[in-house]
Amino acid sequence: MRGMEKIKMTIDTALSLLKESVRIAIIAHIMPDGDTIGSCLALADMLREGGKSVSLFCQDSPSATLGFLRGLTDFKREERMGQPYDLAIAVDCSDMERMGICSAAFRNSRHTMNLDHHPGNTYFAQANYVDPKASATGEIVYRIAVRMPGTIGRYTAEALYTAISTDSGRFSFSNTTSDTYRIVAELVDCGINVEEINDFLYQSYRVERIRLLSKALNSLTLYENGKVALMTISREDLHEAGAKDSDTENIVNYAKNIVGVQLGIFLREMPDGTTKASFRSKGDMDVNKLAGLFGGGGHNKASGANIATSLTEARNEILAAFHSRYKEWV
């Protein structure tokens, strides 16, 4: 990475970098969600319309629920490093590690850009546009889109709607603002079919996911007088259900949505025996602080961490942390 020193970027800076660049890499985060995938695809659509050469990268396969988005199969895991990209853009990544092995494309670029909305962002690129007040990185990409030549097409609008809807919890999380609704209104005016998109995102599941959900619900246990609900999924559970890692997305919400629960926890065993923890909260519970104890992070109401222990050990450590420090987080 050469050229600019690290700066906090404005939209004008972003537009200038995009205009000057021809070969561009756009990189999603590991275990991708709707925000990182939708934002990447929308950005790629706009840049290609402007004559740019765009390569999309993501270490892990996107969820099957996102299969309706145009360009989803364009993502590649890695490539042989040849000529450096003019610009690499990390999308919805709070730090360099969130790109996984795809960070190689980021490092093999003359200039780097970081578009994100996580409060714990480390400003790791040369140019950083980070807005923790945005409900989704999709909002940030939209701000760029409306300043670029041309109009927002239907496919771009579908990707942006997906990004914003999924990361705002269908517009129900506290990060949903009046700006969020105004942006979505503009996207609807672009001709998207909201009913059809919502059906794909929230009402169409593979049978393997339902079987996996059954196993997760069977593991459900309440702690701390019903304040904490915890579920687990092992590699064996995944294998028996015939499911993929992407089928675990949002299962944690079933724990959070129980009456009386303040903290929902979902623990998933990774192929190397470590544990991926997802935290969701209600009320004033700040799970970003809880995730931070385990080297993770995210948002106040939705965070995660990778814990280098087994499912059982991770469960015990998380419950002990909640019990000892609960009053600090509410």
C-alpha atoms as a PDB file:
ATOM      1  CA  MET A   1       0.000   0.000   0.000  1.00  0.00           C
ATOM      2  CA  ARG A   2       1.569   3.219  -1.115  1.00  0.00           C
ATOM      3  CA  GLY A   3       0.634   6.853  -1.562  1.00  0.00           C
ATOM      4  CA  MET A   4      -1.653   8.574   0.930  1.00  0.00           C
ATOM      5  CA  GLU A   5      -1.192   8.598   4.682  1.00  0.00           C
ATOM      6  CA  LYS A   6      -4.209   7.507   6.718  1.00  0.00           C
ATOM      7  CA  ILE A   7      -7.027  10.069   6.728  1.00  0.00           C
ATOM      8  CA  LYS A   8     -10.658  10.294   7.763  1.00  0.00           C
ATOM      9  CA  MET A   9     -12.390  10.501   4.444  1.00  0.00           C
ATOM     10  CA  THR A  10     -15.246  12.668   3.214  1.00  0.00           C
ATOM     11  CA  ILE A  11     -17.554  11.785   0.350  1.00  0.00           C
ATOM     12  CA  ASP A  12     -15.554  14.150  -1.853  1.00  0.00           C
ATOM     13  CA  THR A  13     -12.373  12.224  -1.027  1.00  0.00           C
ATOM     14  CA  ALA A  14     -14.105   8.950  -1.836  1.00  0.00           C
ATOM     15  CA  LEU A  15     -15.415  10.245  -5.168  1.00  0.00           C
ATOM     16  CA  SER A  16     -11.988  11.552  -6.105  1.00  0.00           C
ATOM     17  CA  LEU A  17     -10.313   8.210  -5.364  1.00  0.00           C
ATOM     18  CA  LEU A  18     -12.984   6.294  -7.277  1.00  0.00           C
ATOM     19  CA  LYS A  19     -12.677   8.626 -10.266  1.00  0.00           C
ATOM     20  CA  GLU A  20      -8.895   8.293 -10.403  1.00  0.00           C
ATOM     21  CA  SER A  21      -8.882   4.486 -10.124  1.00  0.00           C
ATOM     22  CA  VAL A  22      -9.418   2.018 -12.987  1.00  0.00           C
ATOM     23  CA  ARG A  23      -8.705  -1.454 -11.515  1.00  0.00           C
ATOM     24  CA  ILE A  24     -10.583  -1.774  -8.240  1.00  0.00           C
ATOM     25  CA  ALA A  25     -10.902  -4.595  -5.713  1.00  0.00           C
ATOM     26  CA  ILE A  26     -13.947  -4.652  -3.429  1.00  0.00           C
ATOM     27  CA  ILE A  27     -13.663  -6.904  -0.373  1.00  0.00           C
ATOM     28  CA  ALA A  28     -16.410  -8.238   1.925  1.00  0.00           C
ATOM     29  CA  HIS A  29     -15.820  -9.490   5.453  1.00  0.00           C
ATOM     30  CA  ILE A  30     -15.544 -13.114   6.534  1.00  0.00           C
ATOM     31  CA  MET A  31     -18.795 -14.973   7.273  1.00  0.00           C
ATOM     32  CA  PRO A  32     -20.594 -12.341   5.200  1.00  0.00           C
ATOM     33  CA  ASP A  33     -23.990 -10.882   6.050  1.00  0.00           C
ATOM     34  CA  GLY A  34     -26.478  -8.958   3.967  1.00  0.00           C
ATOM     35  CA  ASP A  35     -24.851  -5.601   4.629  1.00  0.00           C
ATOM     36  CA  THR A  36     -21.355  -6.434   3.430  1.00  0.00           C
ATOM     37  CA  ILE A  37     -22.618  -8.417   0.397  1.00  0.00           C
ATOM     38  CA  GLY A  38     -25.302  -5.913  -0.606  1.00  0.00           C
ATOM     39  CA  SER A  39     -22.944  -2.961  -0.187  1.00  0.00           C
ATOM     40  CA  CYS A  40     -20.192  -4.656  -2.213  1.00  0.00           C
ATOM     41  CA  LEU A  41     -22.551  -5.553  -5.069  1.00  0.00           C
ATOM     42  CA  ALA A  42     -24.091  -2.080  -5.171  1.00  0.00           C
ATOM     43  CA  LEU A  43     -20.689  -0.437  -5.258  1.00  0.00           C
ATOM     44  CA  ALA A  44     -19.499  -2.826  -7.977  1.00  0.00           C
ATOM     45  CA  ASP A  45     -22.602  -2.127 -10.098  1.00  0.00           C
ATOM     46  CA  MET A  46     -22.052   1.618  -9.954  1.00  0.00           C
ATOM     47  CA  LEU A  47     -18.334   1.435 -10.718  1.00  0.00           C
ATOM     48  CA  ARG A  48     -18.810  -0.944 -13.652  1.00  0.00           C
ATOM     49  CA  GLU A  49     -21.443   1.390 -15.071  1.00  0.00           C
ATOM     50  CA  GLY A  50     -18.730   4.041 -14.990  1.00  0.00           C
ATOM     51  CA  GLY A  51     -16.345   1.874 -16.988  1.00  0.00           C
ATOM     52  CA  LYS A  52     -14.225   0.592 -14.090  1.00  0.00           C
ATOM     53  CA  SER A  53     -12.724  -2.906 -13.893  1.00  0.00           C
ATOM     54  CA  VAL A  54     -13.977  -4.412 -10.618  1.00  0.00           C
ATOM     55  CA  SER A  55     -13.034  -7.626  -8.801  1.00  0.00           C
ATOM     56  CA  LEU A  56     -15.145  -8.843  -5.857  1.00  0.00           C
ATOM     57  CA  PHE A  57     -13.624 -10.835  -2.999  1.00  0.00           C
ATOM     58  CA  CYS A  58     -15.022 -12.749  -0.032  1.00  0.00           C
ATOM     59  CA  GLN A  59     -13.349 -15.535   1.936  1.00  0.00           C
ATOM     60  CA  ASP A  60     -16.607 -17.347   2.768  1.00  0.00           C
ATOM     61  CA  SER A  61     -19.673 -18.200   0.700  1.00  0.00           C
ATOM     62  CA  PRO A  62     -22.667 -15.863   1.105  1.00  0.00           C
ATOM     63  CA  SER A  63     -25.934 -17.182   2.523  1.00  0.00           C
ATOM     64  CA  ALA A  64     -28.327 -18.890   0.098  1.00  0.00           C
ATOM     65  CA  THR A  65     -30.966 -16.316   1.078  1.00  0.00           C
ATOM     66  CA  LEU A  66     -28.979 -13.718  -0.884  1.00  0.00           C
ATOM     67  CA  GLY A  67     -29.078 -15.771  -4.080  1.00  0.00           C
ATOM     68  CA  PHE A  68     -31.521 -13.365  -5.754  1.00  0.00           C
ATOM     69  CA  LEU A  69     -28.949 -10.567  -5.862  1.00  0.00           C
ATOM     70  CA  ARG A  70     -27.374 -10.002  -9.259  1.00  0.00           C
ATOM     71  CA  GLY A  71     -23.638 -10.606  -9.266  1.00  0.00           C
ATOM     72  CA  LEU A  72     -23.523 -12.844  -6.185  1.00  0.00           C
ATOM     73  CA  THR A  73     -21.505 -15.469  -8.067  1.00  0.00           C
ATOM     74  CA  ASP A  74     -18.883 -12.860  -8.998  1.00  0.00           C
ATOM     75  CA  PHE A  75     -17.214 -13.115  -5.587  1.00  0.00           C
ATOM     76  CA  LYS A  76     -13.950 -15.010  -5.563  1.00  0.00           C
ATOM     77  CA  ARG A  77     -11.945 -16.223  -2.608  1.00  0.00           C
ATOM     78  CA  GLU A  78      -8.453 -15.367  -3.780  1.00  0.00           C
ATOM     79  CA  GLU A  79      -6.319 -14.900  -6.857  1.00  0.00           C
ATOM     80  CA  ARG A  80      -2.685 -14.958  -7.810  1.00  0.00           C
ATOM     81  CA  MET A  81      -1.222 -11.595  -6.995  1.00  0.00           C
ATOM     82  CA  GLY A  82      -0.071  -9.891 -10.160  1.00  0.00           C
ATOM     83  CA  GLN A  83      -0.350  -6.246 -11.076  1.00  0.00           C
ATOM     84  CA  PRO A  84      -1.413  -4.151  -8.049  1.00  0.00           C
ATOM     85  CA  TYR A  85      -4.958  -2.775  -7.996  1.00  0.00           C
ATOM     86  CA  ASP A  86      -5.305   0.982  -8.265  1.00  0.00           C
ATOM     87  CA  LEU A  87      -7.666   0.883  -5.287  1.00  0.00           C
ATOM     88  CA  ALA A  88      -8.900  -1.734  -2.821  1.00  0.00           C
ATOM     89  CA  ILE A  89     -12.054  -1.055  -0.805  1.00  0.00           C
ATOM     90  CA  ALA A  90     -12.821  -2.907   2.436  1.00  0.00           C
ATOM     91  CA  VAL A  91     -16.593  -2.900   2.945  1.00  0.00           C
ATOM     92  CA  ASP A  92     -18.201  -3.274   6.388  1.00  0.00           C
ATOM     93  CA  CYS A  93     -14.886  -4.387   7.926  1.00  0.00           C
ATOM     94  CA  SER A  94     -13.939  -2.989  11.348  1.00  0.00           C
ATOM     95  CA  ASP A  95     -10.308  -4.073  10.991  1.00  0.00           C
ATOM     96  CA  MET A  96      -7.911  -5.715   8.558  1.00  0.00           C
ATOM     97  CA  GLU A  97      -8.489  -9.193   9.995  1.00  0.00           C
ATOM     98  CA  ARG A  98     -12.170  -9.104   9.025  1.00  0.00           C
ATOM     99  CA  MET A  99     -11.169  -9.587   5.390  1.00  0.00           C
ATOM    100  CA  GLY A 100      -9.545 -12.951   6.169  1.00  0.00           C
ATOM    101  CA  ILE A 101      -7.378 -14.286   3.356  1.00  0.00           C
ATOM    102  CA  CYS A 102      -8.811 -11.669   1.012  1.00  0.00           C
ATOM    103  CA  SER A 103      -6.712  -9.042   2.767  1.00  0.00           C
ATOM    104  CA  ALA A 104      -4.002 -10.076   0.280  1.00  0.00           C
ATOM    105  CA  ALA A 105      -5.871  -8.170  -2.446  1.00  0.00           C
ATOM    106  CA  PHE A 106      -6.131  -5.193  -0.097  1.00  0.00           C
ATOM    107  CA  ARG A 107      -2.397  -5.203   0.539  1.00  0.00           C
ATOM    108  CA  ASN A 108      -1.666  -5.570  -3.174  1.00  0.00           C
ATOM    109  CA  SER A 109      -3.116  -2.145  -4.000  1.00  0.00           C
ATOM    110  CA  ARG A 110      -1.696   1.285  -4.590  1.00  0.00           C
ATOM    111  CA  HIS A 111      -4.422   2.954  -2.543  1.00  0.00           C
ATOM    112  CA  THR A 112      -6.849   1.618   0.075  1.00  0.00           C
ATOM    113  CA  MET A 113     -10.289   2.680   1.257  1.00  0.00           C
ATOM    114  CA  ASN A 114     -12.343   1.638   4.293  1.00  0.00           C
ATOM    115  CA  LEU A 115     -16.160   2.018   4.250  1.00  0.00           C
ATOM    116  CA  ASP A 116     -17.773   1.013   7.530  1.00  0.00           C
ATOM    117  CA  HIS A 117     -20.240   1.864  10.301  1.00  0.00           C
ATOM    118  CA  HIS A 118     -18.842  -0.092  13.271  1.00  0.00           C
ATOM    119  CA  PRO A 119     -17.915   2.097  16.281  1.00  0.00           C
ATOM    120  CA  GLY A 120     -14.780   0.033  16.945  1.00  0.00           C
ATOM    121  CA  ASN A 121     -13.305   0.548  13.471  1.00  0.00           C
ATOM    122  CA  THR A 122      -9.495   0.782  13.593  1.00  0.00           C
ATOM    123  CA  TYR A 123      -9.128   3.134  10.583  1.00  0.00           C
ATOM    124  CA  PHE A 124      -6.746   0.687   8.940  1.00  0.00           C
ATOM    125  CA  ALA A 125      -6.870   2.039   5.381  1.00  0.00           C
ATOM    126  CA  GLN A 126      -5.260   5.084   3.851  1.00  0.00           C
ATOM    127  CA  ALA A 127      -8.699   6.684   3.402  1.00  0.00           C
ATOM    128  CA  ASN A 128     -11.418   5.878   5.945  1.00  0.00           C
ATOM    129  CA  TYR A 129     -15.101   6.772   5.720  1.00  0.00           C
ATOM    130  CA  VAL A 130     -16.594   5.472   8.968  1.00  0.00           C
ATOM    131  CA  ASP A 131     -19.965   6.588  10.339  1.00  0.00           C
ATOM    132  CA  PRO A 132     -21.125   4.710  13.471  1.00  0.00           C
ATOM    133  CA  LYS A 133     -24.467   6.542  13.285  1.00  0.00           C
ATOM    134  CA  ALA A 134     -25.375   4.823  10.022  1.00  0.00           C
ATOM    135  CA  SER A 135     -27.662   1.800  10.417  1.00  0.00           C
ATOM    136  CA  ALA A 136     -25.623  -0.088   7.810  1.00  0.00           C
ATOM    137  CA  THR A 137     -22.637   0.363   5.546  1.00  0.00           C
ATOM    138  CA  GLY A 138     -25.280   0.313   2.810  1.00  0.00           C
ATOM    139  CA  GLU A 139     -26.283   3.827   3.911  1.00  0.00           C
ATOM    140  CA  ILE A 140     -22.712   5.020   3.356  1.00  0.00           C
ATOM    141  CA  VAL A 141     -22.569   3.410  -0.092  1.00  0.00           C
ATOM    142  CA  TYR A 142     -25.908   5.075  -0.922  1.00  0.00           C
ATOM    143  CA  ARG A 143     -24.449   8.501  -0.048  1.00  0.00           C
ATOM    144  CA  ILE A 144     -21.644   7.831  -2.511  1.00  0.00           C
ATOM    145  CA  ALA A 145     -24.076   6.502  -5.131  1.00  0.00           C
ATOM    146  CA  VAL A 146     -26.187   9.642  -5.262  1.00  0.00           C
ATOM    147  CA  ARG A 147     -23.071  11.732  -5.918  1.00  0.00           C
ATOM    148  CA  MET A 148     -21.890   9.576  -8.825  1.00  0.00           C
ATOM    149  CA  PRO A 149     -22.902  10.162 -12.459  1.00  0.00           C
ATOM    150  CA  GLY A 150     -26.062   8.458 -13.645  1.00  0.00           C
ATOM    151  CA  THR A 151     -28.999   7.095 -11.688  1.00  0.00           C
ATOM    152  CA  ILE A 152     -29.321   4.205  -9.264  1.00  0.00           C
ATOM    153  CA  GLY A 153     -30.609   1.211 -11.209  1.00  0.00           C
ATOM    154  CA  ARG A 154     -32.956  -1.477  -9.916  1.00  0.00           C
ATOM    155  CA  TYR A 155     -30.250  -4.073  -9.244  1.00  0.00           C
ATOM    156  CA  THR A 156     -28.139  -1.558  -7.321  1.00  0.00           C
ATOM    157  CA  ALA A 157     -31.218  -0.496  -5.361  1.00  0.00           C
ATOM    158  CA  GLU A 158     -32.032  -4.134  -4.509  1.00  0.00           C
ATOM    159  CA  ALA A 159     -28.524  -4.642  -3.152  1.00  0.00           C
ATOM    160  CA  LEU A 160     -28.654  -1.462  -1.068  1.00  0.00           C
ATOM    161  CA  TYR A 161     -32.111  -2.284   0.292  1.00  0.00           C
ATOM    162  CA  THR A 162     -30.807  -5.720   1.287  1.00  0.00           C
ATOM    163  CA  ALA A 163     -27.806  -4.189   3.042  1.00  0.00           C
ATOM    164  CA  ILE A 164     -29.851  -1.694   5.032  1.00  0.00           C
ATOM    165  CA  SER A 165     -32.828  -3.943   5.824  1.00  0.00           C
ATOM    166  CA  THR A 166     -30.725  -6.810   7.156  1.00  0.00           C
ATOM    167  CA  ASP A 167     -28.373  -4.720   9.306  1.00  0.00           C
ATOM    168  CA  SER A 168     -31.186  -2.633  10.789  1.00  0.00           C
ATOM    169  CA  GLY A 169     -33.134  -5.749  11.768  1.00  0.00           C
ATOM    170  CA  ARG A 170     -35.876  -5.007   9.218  1.00  0.00           C
ATOM    171  CA  PHE A 171     -35.791  -1.372  10.428  1.00  0.00           C
ATOM    172  CA  SER A 172     -36.413  -2.381  14.055  1.00  0.00           C
ATOM    173  CA  PHE A 173     -33.006  -1.827  15.713  1.00  0.00           C
ATOM    174  CA  SER A 174     -32.156   1.363  17.588  1.00  0.00           C
ATOM    175  CA  ASN A 175     -29.690   2.313  14.822  1.00  0.00           C
ATOM    176  CA  THR A 176     -32.634   2.906  12.459  1.00  0.00           C
ATOM    177  CA  THR A 177     -32.989   6.665  11.931  1.00  0.00           C
ATOM    178  CA  SER A 178     -35.157   8.995   9.912  1.00  0.00           C
ATOM    179  CA  ASP A 179     -32.328   9.054   7.342  1.00  0.00           C
ATOM    180  CA  THR A 180     -32.646   5.279   7.053  1.00  0.00           C
ATOM    181  CA  TYR A 181     -36.301   5.552   6.091  1.00  0.00           C
ATOM    182  CA  ARG A 182     -35.631   8.407   3.660  1.00  0.00           C
ATOM    183  CA  ILE A 183     -32.933   6.380   1.896  1.00  0.00           C
ATOM    184  CA  VAL A 184     -35.170   3.312   1.672  1.00  0.00           C
ATOM    185  CA  ALA A 185     -37.987   5.430   0.254  1.00  0.00           C
ATOM    186  CA  GLU A 186     -35.629   6.554  -2.515  1.00  0.00           C
ATOM    187  CA  LEU A 187     -34.655   2.934  -3.187  1.00  0.00           C
ATOM    188  CA  VAL A 188     -38.292   1.881  -3.442  1.00  0.00           C
ATOM    189  CA  ASP A 189     -38.786   4.646  -6.005  1.00  0.00           C
ATOM    190  CA  CYS A 190     -36.048   2.970  -8.088  1.00  0.00           C
ATOM    191  CA  GLY A 191     -38.524   0.188  -8.862  1.00  0.00           C
ATOM    192  CA  ILE A 192     -37.581  -2.584  -6.440  1.00  0.00           C
ATOM    193  CA  ASN A 193     -40.162  -5.167  -5.365  1.00  0.00           C
ATOM    194  CA  VAL A 194     -40.053  -4.961  -1.573  1.00  0.00           C
ATOM    195  CA  GLU A 195     -42.418  -7.884  -1.026  1.00  0.00           C
ATOM    196  CA  GLU A 196     -40.340 -10.165  -3.229  1.00  0.00           C
ATOM    197  CA  ILE A 197     -37.036  -9.139  -1.612  1.00  0.00           C
ATOM    198  CA  ASN A 198     -38.407  -9.604   1.908  1.00  0.00           C
ATOM    199  CA  ASP A 199     -39.681 -13.028   0.936  1.00  0.00           C
ATOM    200  CA  PHE A 200     -36.199 -14.048  -0.218  1.00  0.00           C
ATOM    201  CA  LEU A 201     -34.512 -12.575   2.860  1.00  0.00           C
ATOM    202  CA  TYR A 202     -36.858 -13.568   5.658  1.00  0.00           C
ATOM    203  CA  GLN A 203     -39.306 -16.229   4.490  1.00  0.00           C
ATOM    204  CA  SER A 204     -37.304 -18.618   2.285  1.00  0.00           C
ATOM    205  CA  TYR A 205     -35.091 -21.167   4.047  1.00  0.00           C
ATOM    206  CA  ARG A 206     -33.397 -24.377   2.989  1.00  0.00           C
ATOM    207  CA  VAL A 207     -34.760 -27.421   4.803  1.00  0.00           C
ATOM    208  CA  GLU A 208     -31.228 -28.035   6.129  1.00  0.00           C
ATOM    209  CA  ARG A 209     -31.382 -24.687   7.936  1.00  0.00           C
ATOM    210  CA  ILE A 210     -34.678 -25.636   9.591  1.00  0.00           C
ATOM    211  CA  ARG A 211     -33.168 -28.937  10.743  1.00  0.00           C
ATOM    212  CA  LEU A 212     -30.189 -27.043  12.134  1.00  0.00           C
ATOM    213  CA  LEU A 213     -32.474 -24.554  13.873  1.00  0.00           C
ATOM    214  CA  SER A 214     -34.207 -27.488  15.567  1.00  0.00           C
ATOM    215  CA  LYS A 215     -30.860 -28.613  17.002  1.00  0.00           C
ATOM    216  CA  ALA A 216     -30.030 -25.087  18.173  1.00  0.00           C
ATOM    217  CA  LEU A 217     -33.409 -24.687  19.883  1.00  0.00           C
ATOM    218  CA  ASN A 218     -32.976 -28.077  21.539  1.00  0.00           C
ATOM    219  CA  SER A 219     -29.762 -26.768  23.131  1.00  0.00           C
ATOM    220  CA  LEU A 220     -31.446 -23.628  24.478  1.00  0.00           C
ATOM    221  CA  THR A 221     -30.635 -22.974  28.148  1.00  0.00           C
ATOM    222  CA  LEU A 222     -31.561 -20.025  30.369  1.00  0.00           C
ATOM    223  CA  TYR A 223     -29.187 -18.528  32.934  1.00  0.00           C
ATOM    224  CA  GLU A 224     -29.117 -15.649  35.422  1.00  0.00           C
ATOM    225  CA  ASN A 225     -32.794 -15.935  36.374  1.00  0.00           C
ATOM    226  CA  GLY A 226     -33.844 -15.858  32.738  1.00  0.00           C
ATOM    227  CA  LYS A 227     -31.767 -12.824  31.737  1.00  0.00           C
ATOM    228  CA  VAL A 228     -29.455 -14.860  29.506  1.00  0.00           C
ATOM    229  CA  ALA A 229     -30.454 -17.385  26.812  1.00  0.00           C
ATOM    230  CA  LEU A 230     -27.707 -19.478  25.210  1.00  0.00           C
ATOM    231  CA  MET A 231     -27.727 -21.891  22.270  1.00  0.00           C
ATOM    232  CA  THR A 232     -24.940 -23.958  20.711  1.00  0.00           C
ATOM    233  CA  ILE A 233     -24.207 -25.749  17.449  1.00  0.00           C
ATOM    234  CA  SER A 234     -21.365 -28.255  17.063  1.00  0.00           C
ATOM    235  CA  ARG A 235     -19.703 -29.451  13.869  1.00  0.00           C
ATOM    236  CA  GLU A 236     -21.552 -32.729  14.371  1.00  0.00           C
ATOM    237  CA  ASP A 237     -24.851 -30.838  14.454  1.00  0.00           C
ATOM    238  CA  LEU A 238     -24.010 -29.142  11.156  1.00  0.00           C
ATOM    239  CA  HIS A 239     -23.058 -32.462   9.573  1.00  0.00           C
ATOM    240  CA  GLU A 240     -26.183 -34.265  10.767  1.00  0.00           C
ATOM    241  CA  ALA A 241     -28.441 -31.478   9.486  1.00  0.00           C
ATOM    242  CA  GLY A 242     -26.616 -31.334   6.155  1.00  0.00           C
ATOM    243  CA  ALA A 243     -26.272 -27.605   6.766  1.00  0.00           C
ATOM    244  CA  LYS A 244     -23.658 -24.984   5.890  1.00  0.00           C
ATOM    245  CA  ASP A 245     -22.045 -22.408   8.163  1.00  0.00           C
ATOM    246  CA  SER A 246     -24.106 -19.748   6.393  1.00  0.00           C
ATOM    247  CA  ASP A 247     -27.273 -21.511   7.617  1.00  0.00           C
ATOM    248  CA  THR A 248     -26.491 -20.334  11.163  1.00  0.00           C
ATOM    249  CA  GLU A 249     -27.074 -16.670  10.335  1.00  0.00           C
ATOM    250  CA  ASN A 250     -29.464 -14.897  12.747  1.00  0.00           C
ATOM    251  CA  ILE A 251     -30.233 -18.031  14.781  1.00  0.00           C
ATOM    252  CA  VAL A 252     -29.061 -16.014  17.791  1.00  0.00           C
ATOM    253  CA  ASN A 253     -32.233 -13.892  17.548  1.00  0.00           C
ATOM    254  CA  TYR A 254     -34.335 -16.835  18.710  1.00  0.00           C
ATOM    255  CA  ALA A 255     -32.481 -16.643  22.021  1.00  0.00           C
ATOM    256  CA  LYS A 256     -32.710 -12.860  22.283  1.00  0.00           C
ATOM    257  CA  ASN A 257     -36.431 -12.715  21.522  1.00  0.00           C
ATOM    258  CA  ILE A 258     -37.519 -14.720  24.574  1.00  0.00           C
ATOM    259  CA  VAL A 259     -39.565 -12.686  27.065  1.00  0.00           C
ATOM    260  CA  GLY A 260     -37.368 -11.552  29.956  1.00  0.00           C
ATOM    261  CA  VAL A 261     -34.074 -12.237  28.181  1.00  0.00           C
ATOM    262  CA  GLN A 262     -31.613  -9.348  27.984  1.00  0.00           C
ATOM    263  CA  LEU A 263     -28.737 -11.222  26.371  1.00  0.00           C
ATOM    264  CA  GLY A 264     -29.003 -13.829  23.624  1.00  0.00           C
ATOM    265  CA  ILE A 265     -25.891 -15.902  22.913  1.00  0.00           C
ATOM    266  CA  PHE A 266     -25.241 -18.298  20.047  1.00  0.00           C
ATOM    267  CA  LEU A 267     -22.047 -20.372  20.060  1.00  0.00           C
ATOM    268  CA  ARG A 268     -20.892 -22.231  16.969  1.00  0.00           C
ATOM    269  CA  GLU A 269     -18.024 -24.684  16.854  1.00  0.00           C
ATOM    270  CA  MET A 270     -15.559 -23.875  14.082  1.00  0.00           C
ATOM    271  CA  PRO A 271     -13.681 -26.464  11.981  1.00  0.00           C
ATOM    272  CA  ASP A 272     -10.496 -25.942  14.029  1.00  0.00           C
ATOM    273  CA  GLY A 273     -12.296 -26.544  17.339  1.00  0.00           C
ATOM    274  CA  THR A 274     -12.512 -22.896  18.354  1.00  0.00           C
ATOM    275  CA  THR A 275     -15.802 -21.078  18.961  1.00  0.00           C
ATOM    276  CA  LYS A 276     -17.604 -18.319  17.107  1.00  0.00           C
ATOM    277  CA  ALA A 277     -19.795 -16.335  19.526  1.00  0.00           C
ATOM    278  CA  SER A 278     -22.704 -14.118  18.485  1.00  0.00           C
ATOM    279  CA  PHE A 279     -24.280 -11.738  21.011  1.00  0.00           C
ATOM    280  CA  ARG A 280     -27.608  -9.897  20.762  1.00  0.00           C
ATOM    281  CA  SER A 281     -29.216  -7.761  23.424  1.00  0.00           C
ATOM    282  CA  LYS A 282     -32.364  -5.880  24.376  1.00  0.00           C
ATOM    283  CA  GLY A 283     -32.771  -2.796  26.511  1.00  0.00           C
ATOM    284  CA  ASP A 284     -29.578  -1.090  27.658  1.00  0.00           C
ATOM    285  CA  MET A 285     -27.335  -4.145  27.610  1.00  0.00           C
ATOM    286  CA  ASP A 286     -24.119  -3.242  25.701  1.00  0.00           C
ATOM    287  CA  VAL A 287     -22.832  -6.443  24.100  1.00  0.00           C
ATOM    288  CA  ASN A 288     -20.014  -4.603  22.332  1.00  0.00           C
ATOM    289  CA  LYS A 289     -18.275  -4.409  25.714  1.00  0.00           C
ATOM    290  CA  LEU A 290     -18.869  -8.107  26.338  1.00  0.00           C
ATOM    291  CA  ALA A 291     -17.476  -9.040  22.922  1.00  0.00           C
ATOM    292  CA  GLY A 292     -14.484  -6.799  23.564  1.00  0.00           C
ATOM    293  CA  LEU A 293     -13.421  -8.987  26.476  1.00  0.00           C
ATOM    294  CA  PHE A 294     -12.874 -11.796  23.977  1.00  0.00           C
ATOM    295  CA  GLY A 295     -11.153  -9.748  21.270  1.00  0.00           C
ATOM    296  CA  GLY A 296     -14.347  -9.131  19.306  1.00  0.00           C
ATOM    297  CA  GLY A 297     -16.678  -6.219  18.765  1.00  0.00           C
ATOM    298  CA  GLY A 298     -19.478  -4.788  16.694  1.00  0.00           C
ATOM    299  CA  HIS A 299     -22.418  -2.713  17.900  1.00  0.00           C
ATOM    300  CA  ASN A 300     -24.074  -2.064  21.257  1.00  0.00           C
ATOM    301  CA  LYS A 301     -26.939  -4.458  20.475  1.00  0.00           C
ATOM    302  CA  ALA A 302     -25.193  -6.893  18.110  1.00  0.00           C
ATOM    303  CA  SER A 303     -21.612  -8.075  18.409  1.00  0.00           C
ATOM    304  CA  GLY A 304     -19.474 -11.154  18.023  1.00  0.00           C
ATOM    305  CA  ALA A 305     -16.124 -12.702  18.837  1.00  0.00           C
ATOM    306  CA  ASN A 306     -13.889 -15.607  17.875  1.00  0.00           C
ATOM    307  CA  ILE A 307     -12.851 -17.452  21.028  1.00  0.00           C
ATOM    308  CA  ALA A 308      -9.889 -19.844  20.971  1.00  0.00           C
ATOM    309  CA  THR A 309     -11.533 -22.460  23.183  1.00  0.00           C
ATOM    310  CA  SER A 310     -14.095 -25.259  22.920  1.00  0.00           C
ATOM    311  CA  LEU A 311     -17.856 -24.673  23.033  1.00  0.00           C
ATOM    312  CA  THR A 312     -18.023 -25.699  26.693  1.00  0.00           C
ATOM    313  CA  GLU A 313     -15.094 -23.523  27.754  1.00  0.00           C
ATOM    314  CA  ALA A 314     -16.375 -20.547  25.763  1.00  0.00           C
ATOM    315  CA  ARG A 315     -19.824 -20.895  27.365  1.00  0.00           C
ATOM    316  CA  ASN A 316     -18.326 -20.968  30.866  1.00  0.00           C
ATOM    317  CA  GLU A 317     -16.070 -17.961  30.217  1.00  0.00           C
ATOM    318  CA  ILE A 318     -18.884 -15.867  28.734  1.00  0.00           C
ATOM    319  CA  LEU A 319     -21.319 -16.658  31.536  1.00  0.00           C
ATOM    320  CA  ALA A 320     -18.671 -15.858  34.148  1.00  0.00           C
ATOM    321  CA  ALA A 321     -17.946 -12.525  32.453  1.00  0.00           C
ATOM    322  CA  PHE A 322     -21.647 -11.639  32.338  1.00  0.00           C
ATOM    323  CA  HIS A 323     -22.147 -12.582  35.991  1.00  0.00           C
ATOM    324  CA  SER A 324     -19.181 -10.558  37.244  1.00  0.00           C
ATOM    325  CA  ARG A 325     -19.536  -7.457  35.063  1.00  0.00           C
ATOM    326  CA  TYR A 326     -23.224  -7.252  34.194  1.00  0.00           C
ATOM    327  CA  LYS A 327     -23.797  -3.983  36.087  1.00  0.00           C
ATOM    328  CA  GLU A 328     -21.122  -2.262  33.983  1.00  0.00           C
ATOM    329  CA  TRP A 329     -23.007  -2.964  30.765  1.00  0.00           C
ATOM    330  CA  VAL A 330     -26.506  -1.694  31.586  1.00  0.00           C
END
